[in-house]
């Protein structure tokens, strides 16, 4: 989660990241810049050093009006 939060901060994204009960990580990221979202998704696909990323799913959802990026749950 810290990798995701740092990547979002570096790109100027707003939203949140949380661990889910099934062991996956859920991310909600907001920006009006689609290039930033593509860069963010590319970083998530790679993950931090020594991480194993099996899959990244994405879908467009309505913005929640986040004003920062934070770790939740």
Protein backbone atom coordinates (compact mmCIF):
# COMPACT_ATOMS: atom_id res chain seq x y z
CA UNK A 1 0.00 0.00 0.00
CA UNK A 2 2.86 2.38 0.67
CA UNK A 3 4.18 1.90 -2.88
CA UNK A 4 0.74 2.75 -4.29
CA UNK A 5 0.38 5.79 -2.04
CA UNK A 6 3.83 7.07 -2.98
CA UNK A 7 3.19 6.55 -6.72
CA UNK A 8 -0.13 8.40 -6.48
CA UNK A 9 1.51 11.26 -4.59
CA UNK A 10 4.29 11.55 -7.19
CA UNK A 11 1.71 11.74 -10.00
CA UNK A 12 -0.58 14.16 -8.17
CA UNK A 13 -3.52 11.75 -7.89
CA UNK A 14 -6.23 11.76 -5.24
CA UNK A 15 -7.99 8.73 -3.77
CA UNK A 16 -7.20 5.78 -1.54
CA UNK A 17 -5.67 2.30 -1.32
CA UNK A 18 -6.78 -0.56 0.93
CA UNK A 19 -6.08 -4.23 1.56
CA UNK A 20 -9.12 -6.43 0.95
CA UNK A 21 -10.09 -9.49 2.97
CA UNK A 22 -9.16 -11.81 0.07
CA UNK A 23 -5.56 -10.54 0.05
CA UNK A 24 -5.90 -8.25 -2.96
CA UNK A 25 -5.28 -4.52 -2.93
CA UNK A 26 -8.04 -2.11 -3.97
CA UNK A 27 -7.19 1.33 -5.32
CA UNK A 28 -9.37 4.32 -6.13
CA UNK A 29 -7.52 7.08 -8.01
CA UNK A 30 -8.90 10.38 -9.26
CA UNK A 31 -7.56 12.92 -11.75
CA UNK A 32 -8.71 14.75 -14.86
CA UNK A 33 -5.47 13.74 -16.61
CA UNK A 34 -5.84 10.36 -18.36
CA UNK A 35 -2.08 10.19 -19.04
CA UNK A 36 -1.42 10.27 -15.29
CA UNK A 37 -3.85 7.38 -14.80
CA UNK A 38 -2.12 5.35 -17.52
CA UNK A 39 1.27 5.99 -15.88
CA UNK A 40 -0.17 5.03 -12.50
CA UNK A 41 -1.58 1.79 -13.87
CA UNK A 42 1.78 0.97 -15.45
CA UNK A 43 3.46 1.44 -12.07
CA UNK A 44 0.87 -0.79 -10.40
CA UNK A 45 1.47 -3.50 -12.98
CA UNK A 46 5.16 -3.50 -12.05
CA UNK A 47 4.72 -3.04 -8.30
CA UNK A 48 7.50 -2.40 -5.79
CA UNK A 49 10.81 -4.25 -5.80
CA UNK A 50 10.41 -7.92 -4.84
CA UNK A 51 6.63 -7.78 -5.29
CA UNK A 52 4.66 -10.23 -7.37
CA UNK A 53 1.81 -8.59 -9.28
CA UNK A 54 -0.42 -11.20 -10.92
CA UNK A 55 -3.05 -8.93 -12.40
CA UNK A 56 -4.28 -5.34 -12.46
CA UNK A 57 -7.95 -4.76 -13.20
CA UNK A 58 -9.26 -1.29 -13.89
CA UNK A 59 -12.63 0.26 -14.49
CA UNK A 60 -13.93 3.76 -14.73
CA UNK A 61 -16.07 4.88 -11.80
CA UNK A 62 -17.55 8.16 -10.67
CA UNK A 63 -15.20 10.49 -8.83
CA UNK A 64 -15.71 10.71 -5.06
CA UNK A 65 -14.23 14.19 -4.65
CA UNK A 66 -11.10 13.04 -2.82
CA UNK A 67 -8.71 15.82 -1.80
CA UNK A 68 -5.66 13.68 -0.94
CA UNK A 69 -4.39 10.13 -1.38
CA UNK A 70 -4.47 7.92 1.70
CA UNK A 71 -4.20 4.39 3.01
CA UNK A 72 -7.46 3.09 4.44
CA UNK A 73 -8.72 0.00 6.28
